[in-house]
Amino acid sequence: MSGSCRGTAPNRCELTQRHGNGSGRSATLPAGVLVEVVVTSRDVIHAFWIPRLAGKIDAVPGHANLLRIQADVPGRYQGLCNEFCGTGHSGMRFDVIVHPAAEFSTAIAKPDATGKVAQ
């Protein structure tokens, strides 16, 4: 999964699922804020699912699906591809990190362990 969040109202994240090892992939969201997640795929049909936050939605090549979620409790939530999509499917996991809204801007400005700044 790769993606970015922009500070529009409502906040909008665009996430693209593709085959590969999902370790180290994450999205960062503010708590208590409605976020639109645009989900698509670059290769085959995947399923975007964050069990504790939202229902499953398909990631389809050439098509954008919209999922609206609101995480009210800060924390780390695990997401995964819930559609068997071929080799590498079992490794298609990612984290959604939810920060208190007041700390969100500061949290995304800090580099992670790899030196990347969340978007």
PDB file of N, CA and C in Angstrom:
ATOM      1  N   MET A   1       0.854  -1.165   0.000  1.00  0.00           N
ATOM      2  CA  MET A   1       0.000   0.000   0.000  1.00  0.00           C
ATOM      3  C   MET A   1       0.897   1.223   0.000  1.00  0.00           C
ATOM      4  N   SER A   2       0.542   2.160  -0.813  1.00  0.00           N
ATOM      5  CA  SER A   2       1.215   3.446  -0.751  1.00  0.00           C
ATOM      6  C   SER A   2       0.127   4.499  -0.710  1.00  0.00           C
ATOM      7  N   GLY A   3       0.419   5.643  -0.140  1.00  0.00           N
ATOM      8  CA  GLY A   3      -0.631   6.635  -0.080  1.00  0.00           C
ATOM      9  C   GLY A   3      -0.204   7.938   0.514  1.00  0.00           C
ATOM     10  N   SER A   4      -1.114   8.878   0.438  1.00  0.00           N
ATOM     11  CA  SER A   4      -0.859  10.183   1.024  1.00  0.00           C
ATOM     12  C   SER A   4      -2.159  10.757   1.550  1.00  0.00           C
ATOM     13  N   CYS A   5      -2.052  11.579   2.586  1.00  0.00           N
ATOM     14  CA  CYS A   5      -3.205  12.266   3.161  1.00  0.00           C
ATOM     15  C   CYS A   5      -3.003  13.758   2.966  1.00  0.00           C
ATOM     16  N   ARG A   6      -4.065  14.439   2.580  1.00  0.00           N
ATOM     17  CA  ARG A   6      -3.992  15.882   2.405  1.00  0.00           C
ATOM     18  C   ARG A   6      -4.917  16.531   3.409  1.00  0.00           C
ATOM     19  N   GLY A   7      -4.614  17.734   3.807  1.00  0.00           N
ATOM     20  CA  GLY A   7      -5.389  18.441   4.815  1.00  0.00           C
ATOM     21  C   GLY A   7      -6.577  19.180   4.260  1.00  0.00           C
ATOM     22  N   THR A   8      -7.369  18.542   3.416  1.00  0.00           N
ATOM     23  CA  THR A   8      -8.576  19.168   2.890  1.00  0.00           C
ATOM     24  C   THR A   8      -9.743  18.791   3.777  1.00  0.00           C
ATOM     25  N   ALA A   9     -10.894  19.380   3.564  1.00  0.00           N
ATOM     26  CA  ALA A   9     -12.069  19.066   4.382  1.00  0.00           C
ATOM     27  C   ALA A   9     -13.098  18.378   3.518  1.00  0.00           C
ATOM     28  N   PRO A  10     -13.503  17.144   3.755  1.00  0.00           N
ATOM     29  CA  PRO A  10     -12.872  16.290   4.762  1.00  0.00           C
ATOM     30  C   PRO A  10     -11.480  15.896   4.298  1.00  0.00           C
ATOM     31  N   ASN A  11     -10.660  15.438   5.235  1.00  0.00           N
ATOM     32  CA  ASN A  11      -9.321  14.977   4.858  1.00  0.00           C
ATOM     33  C   ASN A  11      -9.471  13.879   3.826  1.00  0.00           C
ATOM     34  N   ARG A  12      -8.503  13.760   2.961  1.00  0.00           N
ATOM     35  CA  ARG A  12      -8.578  12.772   1.894  1.00  0.00           C
ATOM     36  C   ARG A  12      -7.266  12.013   1.817  1.00  0.00           C
ATOM     37  N   CYS A  13      -7.356  10.698   1.797  1.00  0.00           N
ATOM     38  CA  CYS A  13      -6.189   9.839   1.616  1.00  0.00           C
ATOM     39  C   CYS A  13      -6.368   9.087   0.316  1.00  0.00           C
ATOM     40  N   GLU A  14      -5.328   9.028  -0.471  1.00  0.00           N
ATOM     41  CA  GLU A  14      -5.371   8.237  -1.693  1.00  0.00           C
ATOM     42  C   GLU A  14      -4.392   7.092  -1.517  1.00  0.00           C
ATOM     43  N   LEU A  15      -4.916   5.870  -1.532  1.00  0.00           N
ATOM     44  CA  LEU A  15      -4.114   4.683  -1.264  1.00  0.00           C
ATOM     45  C   LEU A  15      -4.165   3.762  -2.465  1.00  0.00           C
ATOM     46  N   THR A  16      -3.020   3.241  -2.856  1.00  0.00           N
ATOM     47  CA  THR A  16      -2.931   2.318  -3.982  1.00  0.00           C
ATOM     48  C   THR A  16      -2.350   1.012  -3.487  1.00  0.00           C
ATOM     49  N   GLN A  17      -3.076  -0.070  -3.713  1.00  0.00           N
ATOM     50  CA  GLN A  17      -2.617  -1.400  -3.299  1.00  0.00           C
ATOM     51  C   GLN A  17      -1.923  -2.053  -4.476  1.00  0.00           C
ATOM     52  N   ARG A  18      -0.842  -2.755  -4.188  1.00  0.00           N
ATOM     53  CA  ARG A  18      -0.152  -3.506  -5.231  1.00  0.00           C
ATOM     54  C   ARG A  18       0.510  -4.716  -4.587  1.00  0.00           C
ATOM     55  N   HIS A  19       0.853  -5.694  -5.418  1.00  0.00           N
ATOM     56  CA  HIS A  19       1.536  -6.881  -4.909  1.00  0.00           C
ATOM     57  C   HIS A  19       2.844  -6.486  -4.256  1.00  0.00           C
ATOM     58  N   GLY A  20       3.243  -7.248  -3.268  1.00  0.00           N
ATOM     59  CA  GLY A  20       4.531  -7.014  -2.628  1.00  0.00           C
ATOM     60  C   GLY A  20       4.421  -7.153  -1.133  1.00  0.00           C
ATOM     61  N   ASN A  21       5.547  -7.112  -0.501  1.00  0.00           N
ATOM     62  CA  ASN A  21       5.591  -7.228   0.947  1.00  0.00           C
ATOM     63  C   ASN A  21       5.078  -5.929   1.563  1.00  0.00           C
ATOM     64  N   GLY A  22       4.051  -6.014   2.377  1.00  0.00           N
ATOM     65  CA  GLY A  22       3.440  -4.834   2.962  1.00  0.00           C
ATOM     66  C   GLY A  22       4.103  -4.344   4.227  1.00  0.00           C
ATOM     67  N   SER A  23       5.139  -5.028   4.703  1.00  0.00           N
ATOM     68  CA  SER A  23       5.735  -4.597   5.964  1.00  0.00           C
ATOM     69  C   SER A  23       6.332  -3.209   5.818  1.00  0.00           C
ATOM     70  N   GLY A  24       6.153  -2.395   6.827  1.00  0.00           N
ATOM     71  CA  GLY A  24       6.686  -1.047   6.809  1.00  0.00           C
ATOM     72  C   GLY A  24       5.774  -0.037   6.147  1.00  0.00           C
ATOM     73  N   ARG A  25       4.659  -0.480   5.605  1.00  0.00           N
ATOM     74  CA  ARG A  25       3.726   0.427   4.945  1.00  0.00           C
ATOM     75  C   ARG A  25       2.714   0.911   5.976  1.00  0.00           C
ATOM     76  N   SER A  26       2.417   2.214   5.925  1.00  0.00           N
ATOM     77  CA  SER A  26       1.462   2.739   6.891  1.00  0.00           C
ATOM     78  C   SER A  26       0.777   3.984   6.362  1.00  0.00           C
ATOM     79  N   ALA A  27      -0.338   4.292   6.981  1.00  0.00           N
ATOM     80  CA  ALA A  27      -1.064   5.535   6.740  1.00  0.00           C
ATOM     81  C   ALA A  27      -1.241   6.194   8.097  1.00  0.00           C
ATOM     82  N   THR A  28      -1.180   7.500   8.123  1.00  0.00           N
ATOM     83  CA  THR A  28      -1.306   8.254   9.372  1.00  0.00           C
ATOM     84  C   THR A  28      -2.547   9.121   9.287  1.00  0.00           C
ATOM     85  N   LEU A  29      -3.431   8.999  10.288  1.00  0.00           N
ATOM     86  CA  LEU A  29      -4.702   9.716  10.282  1.00  0.00           C
ATOM     87  C   LEU A  29      -4.903  10.485  11.581  1.00  0.00           C
ATOM     88  N   PRO A  30      -5.702  11.551  11.537  1.00  0.00           N
ATOM     89  CA  PRO A  30      -6.050  12.270  12.772  1.00  0.00           C
ATOM     90  C   PRO A  30      -7.269  11.626  13.435  1.00  0.00           C
ATOM     91  N   ALA A  31      -7.279  11.566  14.753  1.00  0.00           N
ATOM     92  CA  ALA A  31      -8.426  11.011  15.487  1.00  0.00           C
ATOM     93  C   ALA A  31      -9.598  11.994  15.437  1.00  0.00           C
ATOM     94  N   GLY A  32     -10.802  11.436  15.372  1.00  0.00           N
ATOM     95  CA  GLY A  32     -12.011  12.237  15.456  1.00  0.00           C
ATOM     96  C   GLY A  32     -12.321  13.055  14.224  1.00  0.00           C
ATOM     97  N   VAL A  33     -11.657  12.763  13.108  1.00  0.00           N
ATOM     98  CA  VAL A  33     -11.856  13.517  11.871  1.00  0.00           C
ATOM     99  C   VAL A  33     -12.296  12.555  10.777  1.00  0.00           C
ATOM    100  N   LEU A  34     -13.362  12.897  10.065  1.00  0.00           N
ATOM    101  CA  LEU A  34     -13.804  12.080   8.941  1.00  0.00           C
ATOM    102  C   LEU A  34     -12.767  12.158   7.835  1.00  0.00           C
ATOM    103  N   VAL A  35     -12.347  10.989   7.355  1.00  0.00           N
ATOM    104  CA  VAL A  35     -11.340  10.910   6.304  1.00  0.00           C
ATOM    105  C   VAL A  35     -11.918  10.125   5.135  1.00  0.00           C
ATOM    106  N   GLU A  36     -11.775  10.655   3.939  1.00  0.00           N
ATOM    107  CA  GLU A  36     -12.150   9.937   2.729  1.00  0.00           C
ATOM    108  C   GLU A  36     -10.925   9.181   2.250  1.00  0.00           C
ATOM    109  N   VAL A  37     -11.073   7.881   2.055  1.00  0.00           N
ATOM    110  CA  VAL A  37      -9.981   7.048   1.569  1.00  0.00           C
ATOM    111  C   VAL A  37     -10.339   6.616   0.150  1.00  0.00           C
ATOM    112  N   VAL A  38      -9.534   7.033  -0.808  1.00  0.00           N
ATOM    113  CA  VAL A  38      -9.711   6.638  -2.202  1.00  0.00           C
ATOM    114  C   VAL A  38      -8.836   5.413  -2.416  1.00  0.00           C
ATOM    115  N   VAL A  39      -9.457   4.298  -2.810  1.00  0.00           N
ATOM    116  CA  VAL A  39      -8.758   3.019  -2.904  1.00  0.00           C
ATOM    117  C   VAL A  39      -8.755   2.549  -4.359  1.00  0.00           C
ATOM    118  N   THR A  40      -7.572   2.182  -4.860  1.00  0.00           N
ATOM    119  CA  THR A  40      -7.441   1.630  -6.208  1.00  0.00           C
ATOM    120  C   THR A  40      -6.310   0.606  -6.207  1.00  0.00           C
ATOM    121  N   SER A  41      -6.045   0.009  -7.342  1.00  0.00           N
ATOM    122  CA  SER A  41      -4.986  -0.989  -7.468  1.00  0.00           C
ATOM    123  C   SER A  41      -4.205  -0.737  -8.746  1.00  0.00           C
ATOM    124  N   ARG A  42      -2.947  -1.157  -8.732  1.00  0.00           N
ATOM    125  CA  ARG A  42      -2.109  -1.039  -9.931  1.00  0.00           C
ATOM    126  C   ARG A  42      -2.044  -2.330 -10.729  1.00  0.00           C
ATOM    127  N   ASP A  43      -2.487  -3.457 -10.140  1.00  0.00           N
ATOM    128  CA  ASP A  43      -2.287  -4.715 -10.845  1.00  0.00           C
ATOM    129  C   ASP A  43      -3.538  -5.598 -10.901  1.00  0.00           C
ATOM    130  N   VAL A  44      -3.950  -6.205  -9.801  1.00  0.00           N
ATOM    131  CA  VAL A  44      -5.109  -7.096  -9.773  1.00  0.00           C
ATOM    132  C   VAL A  44      -6.099  -6.593  -8.724  1.00  0.00           C
ATOM    133  N   ILE A  45      -7.235  -7.263  -8.590  1.00  0.00           N
ATOM    134  CA  ILE A  45      -8.203  -6.872  -7.568  1.00  0.00           C
ATOM    135  C   ILE A  45      -7.673  -7.276  -6.194  1.00  0.00           C
ATOM    136  N   HIS A  46      -7.655  -6.302  -5.304  1.00  0.00           N
ATOM    137  CA  HIS A  46      -7.289  -6.506  -3.907  1.00  0.00           C
ATOM    138  C   HIS A  46      -8.503  -6.091  -3.075  1.00  0.00           C
ATOM    139  N   ALA A  47      -8.442  -6.309  -1.790  1.00  0.00           N
ATOM    140  CA  ALA A  47      -9.489  -5.819  -0.895  1.00  0.00           C
ATOM    141  C   ALA A  47      -8.820  -5.055   0.239  1.00  0.00           C
ATOM    142  N   PHE A  48      -9.212  -3.817   0.414  1.00  0.00           N
ATOM    143  CA  PHE A  48      -8.666  -2.936   1.442  1.00  0.00           C
ATOM    144  C   PHE A  48      -9.540  -3.090   2.680  1.00  0.00           C
ATOM    145  N   TRP A  49      -8.936  -3.484   3.816  1.00  0.00           N
ATOM    146  CA  TRP A  49      -9.729  -3.743   5.016  1.00  0.00           C
ATOM    147  C   TRP A  49      -8.944  -3.384   6.260  1.00  0.00           C
ATOM    148  N   ILE A  50      -9.541  -2.576   7.107  1.00  0.00           N
ATOM    149  CA  ILE A  50      -9.001  -2.247   8.426  1.00  0.00           C
ATOM    150  C   ILE A  50     -10.081  -2.706   9.416  1.00  0.00           C
ATOM    151  N   PRO A  51     -10.001  -3.952   9.899  1.00  0.00           N
ATOM    152  CA  PRO A  51     -11.090  -4.550  10.674  1.00  0.00           C
ATOM    153  C   PRO A  51     -11.651  -3.706  11.814  1.00  0.00           C
ATOM    154  N   ARG A  52     -10.815  -3.018  12.566  1.00  0.00           N
ATOM    155  CA  ARG A  52     -11.309  -2.256  13.723  1.00  0.00           C
ATOM    156  C   ARG A  52     -11.815  -0.862  13.349  1.00  0.00           C
ATOM    157  N   LEU A  53     -11.651  -0.473  12.088  1.00  0.00           N
ATOM    158  CA  LEU A  53     -12.069   0.875  11.689  1.00  0.00           C
ATOM    159  C   LEU A  53     -13.148   0.915  10.628  1.00  0.00           C
ATOM    160  N   ALA A  54     -13.121  -0.018   9.688  1.00  0.00           N
ATOM    161  CA  ALA A  54     -14.030   0.106   8.546  1.00  0.00           C
ATOM    162  C   ALA A  54     -14.261  -1.243   7.889  1.00  0.00           C
ATOM    163  N   GLY A  55     -15.314  -1.301   7.092  1.00  0.00           N
ATOM    164  CA  GLY A  55     -15.605  -2.496   6.318  1.00  0.00           C
ATOM    165  C   GLY A  55     -14.635  -2.650   5.166  1.00  0.00           C
ATOM    166  N   LYS A  56     -14.736  -3.777   4.507  1.00  0.00           N
ATOM    167  CA  LYS A  56     -13.874  -4.104   3.370  1.00  0.00           C
ATOM    168  C   LYS A  56     -14.360  -3.374   2.123  1.00  0.00           C
ATOM    169  N   ILE A  57     -13.412  -2.904   1.313  1.00  0.00           N
ATOM    170  CA  ILE A  57     -13.751  -2.306   0.031  1.00  0.00           C
ATOM    171  C   ILE A  57     -12.739  -2.815  -0.990  1.00  0.00           C
ATOM    172  N   ASP A  58     -13.201  -3.091  -2.205  1.00  0.00           N
ATOM    173  CA  ASP A  58     -12.305  -3.608  -3.227  1.00  0.00           C
ATOM    174  C   ASP A  58     -11.405  -2.527  -3.793  1.00  0.00           C
ATOM    175  N   ALA A  59     -10.176  -2.930  -4.093  1.00  0.00           N
ATOM    176  CA  ALA A  59      -9.211  -2.087  -4.798  1.00  0.00           C
ATOM    177  C   ALA A  59      -9.118  -2.668  -6.205  1.00  0.00           C
ATOM    178  N   VAL A  60      -9.646  -1.948  -7.183  1.00  0.00           N
ATOM    179  CA  VAL A  60      -9.787  -2.448  -8.549  1.00  0.00           C
ATOM    180  C   VAL A  60      -8.909  -1.618  -9.487  1.00  0.00           C
ATOM    181  N   PRO A  61      -8.119  -2.280 -10.351  1.00  0.00           N
ATOM    182  CA  PRO A  61      -7.291  -1.519 -11.288  1.00  0.00           C
ATOM    183  C   PRO A  61      -8.157  -0.611 -12.180  1.00  0.00           C
ATOM    184  N   GLY A  62      -7.725   0.622 -12.333  1.00  0.00           N
ATOM    185  CA  GLY A  62      -8.421   1.561 -13.201  1.00  0.00           C
ATOM    186  C   GLY A  62      -9.701   2.136 -12.636  1.00  0.00           C
ATOM    187  N   HIS A  63     -10.005   1.855 -11.377  1.00  0.00           N
ATOM    188  CA  HIS A  63     -11.240   2.346 -10.765  1.00  0.00           C
ATOM    189  C   HIS A  63     -10.938   2.826  -9.347  1.00  0.00           C
ATOM    190  N   ALA A  64     -11.494   3.950  -8.967  1.00  0.00           N
ATOM    191  CA  ALA A  64     -11.303   4.484  -7.618  1.00  0.00           C
ATOM    192  C   ALA A  64     -12.572   4.269  -6.799  1.00  0.00           C
ATOM    193  N   ASN A  65     -12.447   3.575  -5.677  1.00  0.00           N
ATOM    194  CA  ASN A  65     -13.550   3.400  -4.732  1.00  0.00           C
ATOM    195  C   ASN A  65     -13.317   4.311  -3.538  1.00  0.00           C
ATOM    196  N   LEU A  66     -14.391   4.804  -2.966  1.00  0.00           N
ATOM    197  CA  LEU A  66     -14.296   5.751  -1.859  1.00  0.00           C
ATOM    198  C   LEU A  66     -14.832   5.121  -0.578  1.00  0.00           C
ATOM    199  N   LEU A  67     -14.035   5.211   0.479  1.00  0.00           N
ATOM    200  CA  LEU A  67     -14.413   4.710   1.792  1.00  0.00           C
ATOM    201  C   LEU A  67     -14.248   5.857   2.780  1.00  0.00           C
ATOM    202  N   ARG A  68     -15.273   6.136   3.549  1.00  0.00           N
ATOM    203  CA  ARG A  68     -15.190   7.186   4.573  1.00  0.00           C
ATOM    204  C   ARG A  68     -15.052   6.530   5.938  1.00  0.00           C
ATOM    205  N   ILE A  69     -14.000   6.923   6.658  1.00  0.00           N
ATOM    206  CA  ILE A  69     -13.792   6.361   7.992  1.00  0.00           C
ATOM    207  C   ILE A  69     -13.488   7.482   8.982  1.00  0.00           C
ATOM    208  N   GLN A  70     -13.770   7.183  10.224  1.00  0.00           N
ATOM    209  CA  GLN A  70     -13.424   8.102  11.305  1.00  0.00           C
ATOM    210  C   GLN A  70     -12.921   7.264  12.468  1.00  0.00           C
ATOM    211  N   ALA A  71     -11.667   7.449  12.808  1.00  0.00           N
ATOM    212  CA  ALA A  71     -11.063   6.745  13.937  1.00  0.00           C
ATOM    213  C   ALA A  71     -11.141   7.672  15.136  1.00  0.00           C
ATOM    214  N   ASP A  72     -11.951   7.326  16.107  1.00  0.00           N
ATOM    215  CA  ASP A  72     -12.135   8.190  17.267  1.00  0.00           C
ATOM    216  C   ASP A  72     -11.100   7.975  18.355  1.00  0.00           C
ATOM    217  N   VAL A  73     -10.450   6.819  18.351  1.00  0.00           N
ATOM    218  CA  VAL A  73      -9.487   6.485  19.403  1.00  0.00           C
ATOM    219  C   VAL A  73      -8.081   6.404  18.809  1.00  0.00           C
ATOM    220  N   PRO A  74      -7.145   7.234  19.297  1.00  0.00           N
ATOM    221  CA  PRO A  74      -5.768   7.154  18.811  1.00  0.00           C
ATOM    222  C   PRO A  74      -5.195   5.763  19.059  1.00  0.00           C
ATOM    223  N   GLY A  75      -4.300   5.344  18.191  1.00  0.00           N
ATOM    224  CA  GLY A  75      -3.657   4.047  18.332  1.00  0.00           C
ATOM    225  C   GLY A  75      -3.173   3.536  17.006  1.00  0.00           C
ATOM    226  N   ARG A  76      -2.766   2.269  17.000  1.00  0.00           N
ATOM    227  CA  ARG A  76      -2.268   1.606  15.794  1.00  0.00           C
ATOM    228  C   ARG A  76      -3.268   0.514  15.432  1.00  0.00           C
ATOM    229  N   TYR A  77      -3.725   0.546  14.190  1.00  0.00           N
ATOM    230  CA  TYR A  77      -4.708  -0.411  13.698  1.00  0.00           C
ATOM    231  C   TYR A  77      -4.093  -1.165  12.519  1.00  0.00           C
ATOM    232  N   GLN A  78      -4.320  -2.470  12.469  1.00  0.00           N
ATOM    233  CA  GLN A  78      -3.758  -3.256  11.373  1.00  0.00           C
ATOM    234  C   GLN A  78      -4.759  -3.362  10.234  1.00  0.00           C
ATOM    235  N   GLY A  79      -4.259  -3.159   9.027  1.00  0.00           N
ATOM    236  CA  GLY A  79      -5.059  -3.338   7.825  1.00  0.00           C
ATOM    237  C   GLY A  79      -4.447  -4.430   6.976  1.00  0.00           C
ATOM    238  N   LEU A  80      -5.234  -4.956   6.057  1.00  0.00           N
ATOM    239  CA  LEU A  80      -4.739  -6.030   5.212  1.00  0.00           C
ATOM    240  C   LEU A  80      -5.542  -6.134   3.926  1.00  0.00           C
ATOM    241  N   CYS A  81      -4.971  -6.862   2.984  1.00  0.00           N
ATOM    242  CA  CYS A  81      -5.692  -7.233   1.767  1.00  0.00           C
ATOM    243  C   CYS A  81      -6.484  -8.483   2.122  1.00  0.00           C
ATOM    244  N   ASN A  82      -7.791  -8.428   1.953  1.00  0.00           N
ATOM    245  CA  ASN A  82      -8.662  -9.532   2.338  1.00  0.00           C
ATOM    246  C   ASN A  82      -9.259 -10.230   1.114  1.00  0.00           C
ATOM    247  N   GLU A  83      -8.528 -10.194   0.025  1.00  0.00           N
ATOM    248  CA  GLU A  83      -8.963 -10.834  -1.225  1.00  0.00           C
ATOM    249  C   GLU A  83      -7.759 -11.585  -1.759  1.00  0.00           C
ATOM    250  N   PHE A  84      -7.872 -12.918  -1.891  1.00  0.00           N
ATOM    251  CA  PHE A  84      -6.723 -13.657  -2.395  1.00  0.00           C
ATOM    252  C   PHE A  84      -6.359 -13.114  -3.774  1.00  0.00           C
ATOM    253  N   CYS A  85      -5.132 -12.642  -3.896  1.00  0.00           N
ATOM    254  CA  CYS A  85      -4.738 -11.933  -5.111  1.00  0.00           C
ATOM    255  C   CYS A  85      -3.477 -12.511  -5.744  1.00  0.00           C
ATOM    256  N   GLY A  86      -3.025 -13.659  -5.257  1.00  0.00           N
ATOM    257  CA  GLY A  86      -1.863 -14.298  -5.859  1.00  0.00           C
ATOM    258  C   GLY A  86      -0.663 -14.305  -4.933  1.00  0.00           C
ATOM    259  N   THR A  87       0.487 -14.523  -5.535  1.00  0.00           N
ATOM    260  CA  THR A  87       1.740 -14.586  -4.792  1.00  0.00           C
ATOM    261  C   THR A  87       1.947 -13.296  -4.006  1.00  0.00           C
ATOM    262  N   GLY A  88       2.330 -13.437  -2.763  1.00  0.00           N
ATOM    263  CA  GLY A  88       2.582 -12.271  -1.928  1.00  0.00           C
ATOM    264  C   GLY A  88       1.380 -11.816  -1.130  1.00  0.00           C
ATOM    265  N   HIS A  89       0.228 -12.450  -1.324  1.00  0.00           N
ATOM    266  CA  HIS A  89      -0.997 -12.024  -0.640  1.00  0.00           C
ATOM    267  C   HIS A  89      -0.838 -12.023   0.882  1.00  0.00           C
ATOM    268  N   SER A  90      -0.224 -13.059   1.436  1.00  0.00           N
ATOM    269  CA  SER A  90      -0.126 -13.163   2.898  1.00  0.00           C
ATOM    270  C   SER A  90       0.709 -12.045   3.511  1.00  0.00           C
ATOM    271  N   GLY A  91       1.554 -11.391   2.724  1.00  0.00           N
ATOM    272  CA  GLY A  91       2.378 -10.310   3.236  1.00  0.00           C
ATOM    273  C   GLY A  91       1.778  -8.930   3.030  1.00  0.00           C
ATOM    274  N   MET A  92       0.563  -8.873   2.513  1.00  0.00           N
ATOM    275  CA  MET A  92      -0.048  -7.582   2.202  1.00  0.00           C
ATOM    276  C   MET A  92      -0.785  -7.042   3.420  1.00  0.00           C
ATOM    277  N   ARG A  93       0.000  -6.512   4.333  1.00  0.00           N
ATOM    278  CA  ARG A  93      -0.517  -5.930   5.582  1.00  0.00           C
ATOM    279  C   ARG A  93       0.050  -4.528   5.721  1.00  0.00           C
ATOM    280  N   PHE A  94      -0.640  -3.700   6.466  1.00  0.00           N
ATOM    281  CA  PHE A  94      -0.179  -2.333   6.687  1.00  0.00           C
ATOM    282  C   PHE A  94      -0.737  -1.847   8.015  1.00  0.00           C
ATOM    283  N   ASP A  95      -0.200  -0.761   8.506  1.00  0.00           N
ATOM    284  CA  ASP A  95      -0.666  -0.157   9.747  1.00  0.00           C
ATOM    285  C   ASP A  95      -1.336   1.172   9.455  1.00  0.00           C
ATOM    286  N   VAL A  96      -2.354   1.470  10.228  1.00  0.00           N
ATOM    287  CA  VAL A  96      -2.964   2.798  10.228  1.00  0.00           C
ATOM    288  C   VAL A  96      -2.675   3.361  11.610  1.00  0.00           C
ATOM    289  N   ILE A  97      -1.940   4.461  11.637  1.00  0.00           N
ATOM    290  CA  ILE A  97      -1.551   5.085  12.898  1.00  0.00           C
ATOM    291  C   ILE A  97      -2.425   6.311  13.081  1.00  0.00           C
ATOM    292  N   VAL A  98      -3.193   6.314  14.166  1.00  0.00           N
ATOM    293  CA  VAL A  98      -4.126   7.407  14.446  1.00  0.00           C
ATOM    294  C   VAL A  98      -3.582   8.226  15.605  1.00  0.00           C
ATOM    295  N   HIS A  99      -3.393   9.518  15.341  1.00  0.00           N
ATOM    296  CA  HIS A  99      -2.874  10.450  16.351  1.00  0.00           C
ATOM    297  C   HIS A  99      -3.998  11.363  16.822  1.00  0.00           C
ATOM    298  N   PRO A 100      -3.930  11.843  18.071  1.00  0.00           N
ATOM    299  CA  PRO A 100      -4.902  12.854  18.497  1.00  0.00           C
ATOM    300  C   PRO A 100      -4.874  14.016  17.505  1.00  0.00           C
ATOM    301  N   ALA A 101      -6.039  14.564  17.189  1.00  0.00           N
ATOM    302  CA  ALA A 101      -6.130  15.616  16.172  1.00  0.00           C
ATOM    303  C   ALA A 101      -5.196  16.783  16.463  1.00  0.00           C
ATOM    304  N   ALA A 102      -5.059  17.166  17.727  1.00  0.00           N
ATOM    305  CA  ALA A 102      -4.218  18.306  18.094  1.00  0.00           C
ATOM    306  C   ALA A 102      -2.729  18.033  17.843  1.00  0.00           C
ATOM    307  N   GLU A 103      -2.342  16.756  17.768  1.00  0.00           N
ATOM    308  CA  GLU A 103      -0.940  16.390  17.575  1.00  0.00           C
ATOM    309  C   GLU A 103      -0.650  15.901  16.157  1.00  0.00           C
ATOM    310  N   PHE A 104      -1.679  15.873  15.307  1.00  0.00           N
ATOM    311  CA  PHE A 104      -1.528  15.277  13.979  1.00  0.00           C
ATOM    312  C   PHE A 104      -0.472  15.982  13.128  1.00  0.00           C
ATOM    313  N   SER A 105      -0.511  17.298  13.044  1.00  0.00           N
ATOM    314  CA  SER A 105       0.454  18.035  12.213  1.00  0.00           C
ATOM    315  C   SER A 105       1.885  17.770  12.653  1.00  0.00           C
ATOM    316  N   THR A 106       2.110  17.733  13.956  1.00  0.00           N
ATOM    317  CA  THR A 106       3.442  17.461  14.480  1.00  0.00           C
ATOM    318  C   THR A 106       3.851  16.027  14.171  1.00  0.00           C
ATOM    319  N   ALA A 107       2.921  15.089  14.320  1.00  0.00           N
ATOM    320  CA  ALA A 107       3.224  13.667  14.098  1.00  0.00           C
ATOM    321  C   ALA A 107       3.632  13.400  12.654  1.00  0.00           C
ATOM    322  N   ILE A 108       2.962  14.009  11.699  1.00  0.00           N
ATOM    323  CA  ILE A 108       3.308  13.723  10.301  1.00  0.00           C
ATOM    324  C   ILE A 108       4.554  14.474   9.846  1.00  0.00           C
ATOM    325  N   ALA A 109       4.983  15.455  10.605  1.00  0.00           N
ATOM    326  CA  ALA A 109       6.196  16.202  10.252  1.00  0.00           C
ATOM    327  C   ALA A 109       7.468  15.506  10.723  1.00  0.00           C
ATOM    328  N   LYS A 110       7.335  14.509  11.616  1.00  0.00           N
ATOM    329  CA  LYS A 110       8.497  13.798  12.152  1.00  0.00           C
ATOM    330  C   LYS A 110       8.858  12.642  11.224  1.00  0.00           C
ATOM    331  N   PRO A 111      10.150  12.460  10.932  1.00  0.00           N
ATOM    332  CA  PRO A 111      10.558  11.320  10.111  1.00  0.00           C
ATOM    333  C   PRO A 111      10.416  10.011  10.888  1.00  0.00           C
ATOM    334  N   ASP A 112      10.089   8.926  10.169  1.00  0.00           N
ATOM    335  CA  ASP A 112      10.003   7.613  10.796  1.00  0.00           C
ATOM    336  C   ASP A 112      11.400   6.988  10.873  1.00  0.00           C
ATOM    337  N   ALA A 113      11.480   5.704  11.225  1.00  0.00           N
ATOM    338  CA  ALA A 113      12.770   5.037  11.396  1.00  0.00           C
ATOM    339  C   ALA A 113      13.579   4.998  10.111  1.00  0.00           C
ATOM    340  N   THR A 114      12.918   5.070   8.950  1.00  0.00           N
ATOM    341  CA  THR A 114      13.633   5.037   7.676  1.00  0.00           C
ATOM    342  C   THR A 114      13.987   6.438   7.186  1.00  0.00           C
ATOM    343  N   GLY A 115      13.579   7.460   7.952  1.00  0.00           N
ATOM    344  CA  GLY A 115      13.875   8.835   7.565  1.00  0.00           C
ATOM    345  C   GLY A 115      12.808   9.486   6.713  1.00  0.00           C
ATOM    346  N   LYS A 116      11.710   8.743   6.428  1.00  0.00           N
ATOM    347  CA  LYS A 116      10.635   9.278   5.607  1.00  0.00           C
ATOM    348  C   LYS A 116       9.658  10.043   6.492  1.00  0.00           C
ATOM    349  N   VAL A 117       9.103  11.108   5.948  1.00  0.00           N
ATOM    350  CA  VAL A 117       8.091  11.897   6.642  1.00  0.00           C
ATOM    351  C   VAL A 117       6.730  11.451   6.143  1.00  0.00           C
ATOM    352  N   ALA A 118       5.791  11.174   7.064  1.00  0.00           N
ATOM    353  CA  ALA A 118       4.448  10.732   6.674  1.00  0.00           C
ATOM    354  C   ALA A 118       3.776  11.827   5.865  1.00  0.00           C
ATOM    355  N   GLN A 119       2.909  11.391   4.944  1.00  0.00           N
ATOM    356  CA  GLN A 119       2.172  12.347   4.110  1.00  0.00           C
ATOM    357  C   GLN A 119       0.701  12.144   4.281  1.00  0.00           C
TER     358      GLN A 119
END
